[in-house]
């Protein structure tokens, strides 16, 4: 699954266009490297997202195309770095 779509499906970023712009501006890091929106997300990837003063770091646990709102948080696990 594309990185921008994963960020939207997992509800880490609300809109896919916003996720796409963040990737284009090299703000999203995957496994320590800036990633493009077309990056293929895999289980075990570590994604870092800057949110204001803090950085949200998550590990991908599952990749699914369609997820209910209540189950979106099951796709990833927050990690501290």
N, C-alpha and C. Protein backbone atom coordinates (compact mmCIF):
# COMPACT_ATOMS: atom_id res chain seq x y z
N UNK A 1 0.84 -1.17 0.00
CA UNK A 1 0.00 0.00 0.00
C UNK A 1 0.89 1.24 0.00
N UNK A 2 0.49 2.26 -0.72
CA UNK A 2 1.22 3.52 -0.78
C UNK A 2 1.26 4.19 0.59
N UNK A 3 2.33 4.91 0.85
CA UNK A 3 2.49 5.58 2.14
C UNK A 3 1.39 6.60 2.39
N UNK A 4 1.05 7.41 1.41
CA UNK A 4 0.01 8.42 1.63
C UNK A 4 -1.34 7.79 1.94
N UNK A 5 -1.64 6.67 1.30
CA UNK A 5 -2.91 5.98 1.58
C UNK A 5 -2.88 5.35 2.97
N UNK A 6 -1.74 4.77 3.37
CA UNK A 6 -1.64 4.17 4.71
C UNK A 6 -1.85 5.23 5.79
N UNK A 7 -1.26 6.40 5.61
CA UNK A 7 -1.40 7.47 6.60
C UNK A 7 -2.86 7.89 6.74
N UNK A 8 -3.59 7.88 5.64
CA UNK A 8 -5.01 8.24 5.68
C UNK A 8 -5.85 7.13 6.28
N UNK A 9 -5.64 5.88 5.83
CA UNK A 9 -6.43 4.74 6.33
C UNK A 9 -6.21 4.54 7.83
N UNK A 10 -4.98 4.72 8.29
CA UNK A 10 -4.69 4.55 9.71
C UNK A 10 -5.08 5.77 10.53
N UNK A 11 -5.51 6.82 9.85
CA UNK A 11 -5.95 8.06 10.46
C UNK A 11 -4.84 8.78 11.24
N UNK A 12 -3.60 8.57 10.80
CA UNK A 12 -2.49 9.35 11.35
C UNK A 12 -2.53 10.76 10.77
N UNK A 13 -2.98 10.87 9.51
CA UNK A 13 -3.21 12.15 8.85
C UNK A 13 -4.61 12.07 8.26
N UNK A 14 -5.40 13.14 8.44
CA UNK A 14 -6.82 13.08 8.10
C UNK A 14 -7.11 12.96 6.61
N UNK A 15 -6.35 13.64 5.76
CA UNK A 15 -6.64 13.63 4.34
C UNK A 15 -5.46 13.12 3.54
N UNK A 16 -5.75 12.40 2.47
CA UNK A 16 -4.68 11.83 1.64
C UNK A 16 -3.89 12.94 0.95
N UNK A 17 -4.55 14.02 0.54
CA UNK A 17 -3.82 15.10 -0.11
C UNK A 17 -2.83 15.76 0.84
N UNK A 18 -3.20 15.87 2.11
CA UNK A 18 -2.28 16.43 3.12
C UNK A 18 -1.11 15.48 3.32
N UNK A 19 -1.39 14.18 3.37
CA UNK A 19 -0.33 13.18 3.51
C UNK A 19 0.61 13.23 2.30
N UNK A 20 0.04 13.39 1.12
CA UNK A 20 0.83 13.46 -0.11
C UNK A 20 1.75 14.68 -0.09
N UNK A 21 1.22 15.83 0.34
CA UNK A 21 2.04 17.05 0.42
C UNK A 21 3.15 16.90 1.46
N UNK A 22 2.86 16.28 2.58
CA UNK A 22 3.88 16.07 3.62
C UNK A 22 5.01 15.19 3.08
N UNK A 23 4.66 14.18 2.31
CA UNK A 23 5.68 13.31 1.71
C UNK A 23 6.49 14.07 0.67
N UNK A 24 5.83 14.88 -0.14
CA UNK A 24 6.53 15.66 -1.17
C UNK A 24 7.51 16.65 -0.57
N UNK A 25 7.20 17.15 0.62
CA UNK A 25 8.08 18.11 1.30
C UNK A 25 9.10 17.42 2.21
N UNK A 26 9.24 16.10 2.08
CA UNK A 26 10.23 15.30 2.83
C UNK A 26 10.05 15.43 4.34
N UNK A 27 8.80 15.52 4.81
CA UNK A 27 8.54 15.61 6.24
C UNK A 27 8.28 14.25 6.86
N UNK A 28 7.89 13.26 6.08
CA UNK A 28 7.61 11.92 6.58
C UNK A 28 8.86 11.07 6.41
N UNK A 29 9.29 10.46 7.50
CA UNK A 29 10.48 9.61 7.47
C UNK A 29 10.05 8.15 7.68
N UNK A 30 10.59 7.26 6.87
CA UNK A 30 10.33 5.83 7.02
C UNK A 30 11.69 5.14 7.19
N UNK A 31 11.85 4.46 8.31
CA UNK A 31 13.10 3.78 8.63
C UNK A 31 14.30 4.73 8.54
N UNK A 32 14.11 5.97 9.00
CA UNK A 32 15.20 6.94 9.05
C UNK A 32 15.48 7.69 7.77
N UNK A 33 14.69 7.47 6.73
CA UNK A 33 14.89 8.15 5.45
C UNK A 33 13.62 8.86 5.03
N UNK A 34 13.78 9.98 4.35
CA UNK A 34 12.62 10.68 3.80
C UNK A 34 11.99 9.79 2.75
N UNK A 35 10.67 9.69 2.80
CA UNK A 35 9.96 8.78 1.89
C UNK A 35 8.99 9.54 1.01
N UNK A 36 8.85 9.07 -0.22
CA UNK A 36 7.89 9.64 -1.14
C UNK A 36 6.52 9.03 -0.87
N UNK A 37 5.48 9.67 -1.39
CA UNK A 37 4.11 9.19 -1.21
C UNK A 37 3.91 7.82 -1.82
N UNK A 38 4.69 7.47 -2.82
CA UNK A 38 4.53 6.19 -3.51
C UNK A 38 5.27 5.04 -2.82
N UNK A 39 5.95 5.32 -1.70
CA UNK A 39 6.67 4.27 -0.98
C UNK A 39 5.71 3.14 -0.59
N UNK A 40 6.13 1.90 -0.77
CA UNK A 40 5.30 0.74 -0.46
C UNK A 40 5.48 0.36 1.01
N UNK A 41 4.47 0.63 1.82
CA UNK A 41 4.53 0.37 3.27
C UNK A 41 4.46 -1.13 3.53
N UNK A 42 5.35 -1.61 4.43
CA UNK A 42 5.39 -3.01 4.80
C UNK A 42 5.30 -3.14 6.32
N UNK A 43 4.89 -4.29 6.79
CA UNK A 43 4.84 -4.56 8.23
C UNK A 43 6.25 -4.45 8.80
N UNK A 44 6.38 -3.74 9.91
CA UNK A 44 7.67 -3.56 10.54
C UNK A 44 8.33 -2.23 10.24
N UNK A 45 7.81 -1.48 9.25
CA UNK A 45 8.36 -0.17 8.95
C UNK A 45 8.14 0.78 10.12
N UNK A 46 9.11 1.66 10.34
CA UNK A 46 9.00 2.68 11.39
C UNK A 46 8.81 4.03 10.71
N UNK A 47 7.70 4.69 11.02
CA UNK A 47 7.33 5.95 10.39
C UNK A 47 7.40 7.06 11.41
N UNK A 48 8.06 8.17 11.06
CA UNK A 48 8.16 9.36 11.93
C UNK A 48 7.43 10.50 11.27
N UNK A 49 6.53 11.13 12.03
CA UNK A 49 5.72 12.23 11.52
C UNK A 49 5.88 13.42 12.46
N UNK A 50 6.42 14.55 11.98
CA UNK A 50 6.51 15.73 12.84
C UNK A 50 5.15 16.38 13.01
N UNK A 51 4.74 16.57 14.25
CA UNK A 51 3.45 17.21 14.57
C UNK A 51 3.71 18.37 15.52
N UNK A 52 3.89 19.53 14.98
CA UNK A 52 4.17 20.70 15.82
C UNK A 52 5.50 20.56 16.54
N UNK A 53 5.46 20.61 17.86
CA UNK A 53 6.68 20.55 18.66
C UNK A 53 7.19 19.14 18.89
N UNK A 54 6.35 18.13 18.63
CA UNK A 54 6.77 16.75 18.89
C UNK A 54 6.76 15.94 17.61
N UNK A 55 7.40 14.80 17.67
CA UNK A 55 7.44 13.89 16.53
C UNK A 55 6.77 12.58 16.93
N UNK A 56 5.80 12.16 16.14
CA UNK A 56 5.10 10.91 16.39
C UNK A 56 5.83 9.80 15.65
N UNK A 57 6.26 8.77 16.39
CA UNK A 57 6.94 7.63 15.79
C UNK A 57 6.07 6.40 15.98
N UNK A 58 5.80 5.69 14.89
CA UNK A 58 4.95 4.50 14.94
C UNK A 58 5.62 3.36 14.18
N UNK A 59 5.26 2.15 14.56
CA UNK A 59 5.69 0.94 13.86
C UNK A 59 4.46 0.32 13.22
N UNK A 60 4.57 -0.03 11.95
CA UNK A 60 3.45 -0.62 11.21
C UNK A 60 3.27 -2.07 11.66
N UNK A 61 2.07 -2.40 12.12
CA UNK A 61 1.75 -3.76 12.56
C UNK A 61 0.96 -4.53 11.52
N UNK A 62 0.16 -3.82 10.73
CA UNK A 62 -0.72 -4.47 9.76
C UNK A 62 -1.01 -3.48 8.63
N UNK A 63 -1.19 -4.01 7.43
CA UNK A 63 -1.52 -3.18 6.28
C UNK A 63 -2.82 -3.69 5.69
N UNK A 64 -3.87 -2.85 5.75
CA UNK A 64 -5.18 -3.21 5.20
C UNK A 64 -5.73 -2.04 4.42
N UNK A 65 -6.49 -2.34 3.35
CA UNK A 65 -7.06 -1.28 2.51
C UNK A 65 -8.22 -0.56 3.17
N UNK A 66 -9.12 -1.29 3.79
CA UNK A 66 -10.30 -0.70 4.40
C UNK A 66 -10.37 -1.09 5.87
N UNK A 67 -10.48 -0.07 6.72
CA UNK A 67 -10.51 -0.30 8.16
C UNK A 67 -11.57 0.62 8.76
N UNK A 68 -12.33 0.08 9.71
CA UNK A 68 -13.30 0.93 10.42
C UNK A 68 -12.56 1.92 11.30
N UNK A 69 -13.23 2.99 11.62
CA UNK A 69 -12.62 4.04 12.43
C UNK A 69 -12.12 3.51 13.76
N UNK A 70 -12.88 2.63 14.39
CA UNK A 70 -12.51 2.08 15.70
C UNK A 70 -11.28 1.18 15.62
N UNK A 71 -11.05 0.56 14.47
CA UNK A 71 -9.94 -0.39 14.32
C UNK A 71 -8.70 0.23 13.69
N UNK A 72 -8.74 1.50 13.35
CA UNK A 72 -7.61 2.15 12.68
C UNK A 72 -6.34 2.13 13.53
N UNK A 73 -6.48 2.26 14.84
CA UNK A 73 -5.32 2.29 15.73
C UNK A 73 -4.63 0.93 15.83
N UNK A 74 -5.28 -0.13 15.36
CA UNK A 74 -4.67 -1.46 15.41
C UNK A 74 -3.66 -1.67 14.29
N UNK A 75 -3.58 -0.75 13.34
CA UNK A 75 -2.65 -0.87 12.23
C UNK A 75 -1.22 -0.49 12.62
N UNK A 76 -1.07 0.23 13.72
CA UNK A 76 0.26 0.70 14.12
C UNK A 76 0.39 0.69 15.64
N UNK A 77 1.64 0.86 16.08
CA UNK A 77 1.94 0.93 17.52
C UNK A 77 2.90 2.10 17.72
N UNK A 78 2.56 2.95 18.68
CA UNK A 78 3.44 4.09 18.97
C UNK A 78 4.72 3.61 19.64
N UNK A 79 5.83 4.16 19.22
CA UNK A 79 7.11 3.82 19.82
C UNK A 79 7.79 5.13 20.23
N UNK A 80 8.68 5.05 21.18
CA UNK A 80 9.41 6.25 21.62
C UNK A 80 10.82 6.20 21.07
N UNK A 81 11.25 7.33 20.54
CA UNK A 81 12.62 7.42 20.01
C UNK A 81 13.31 8.63 20.53
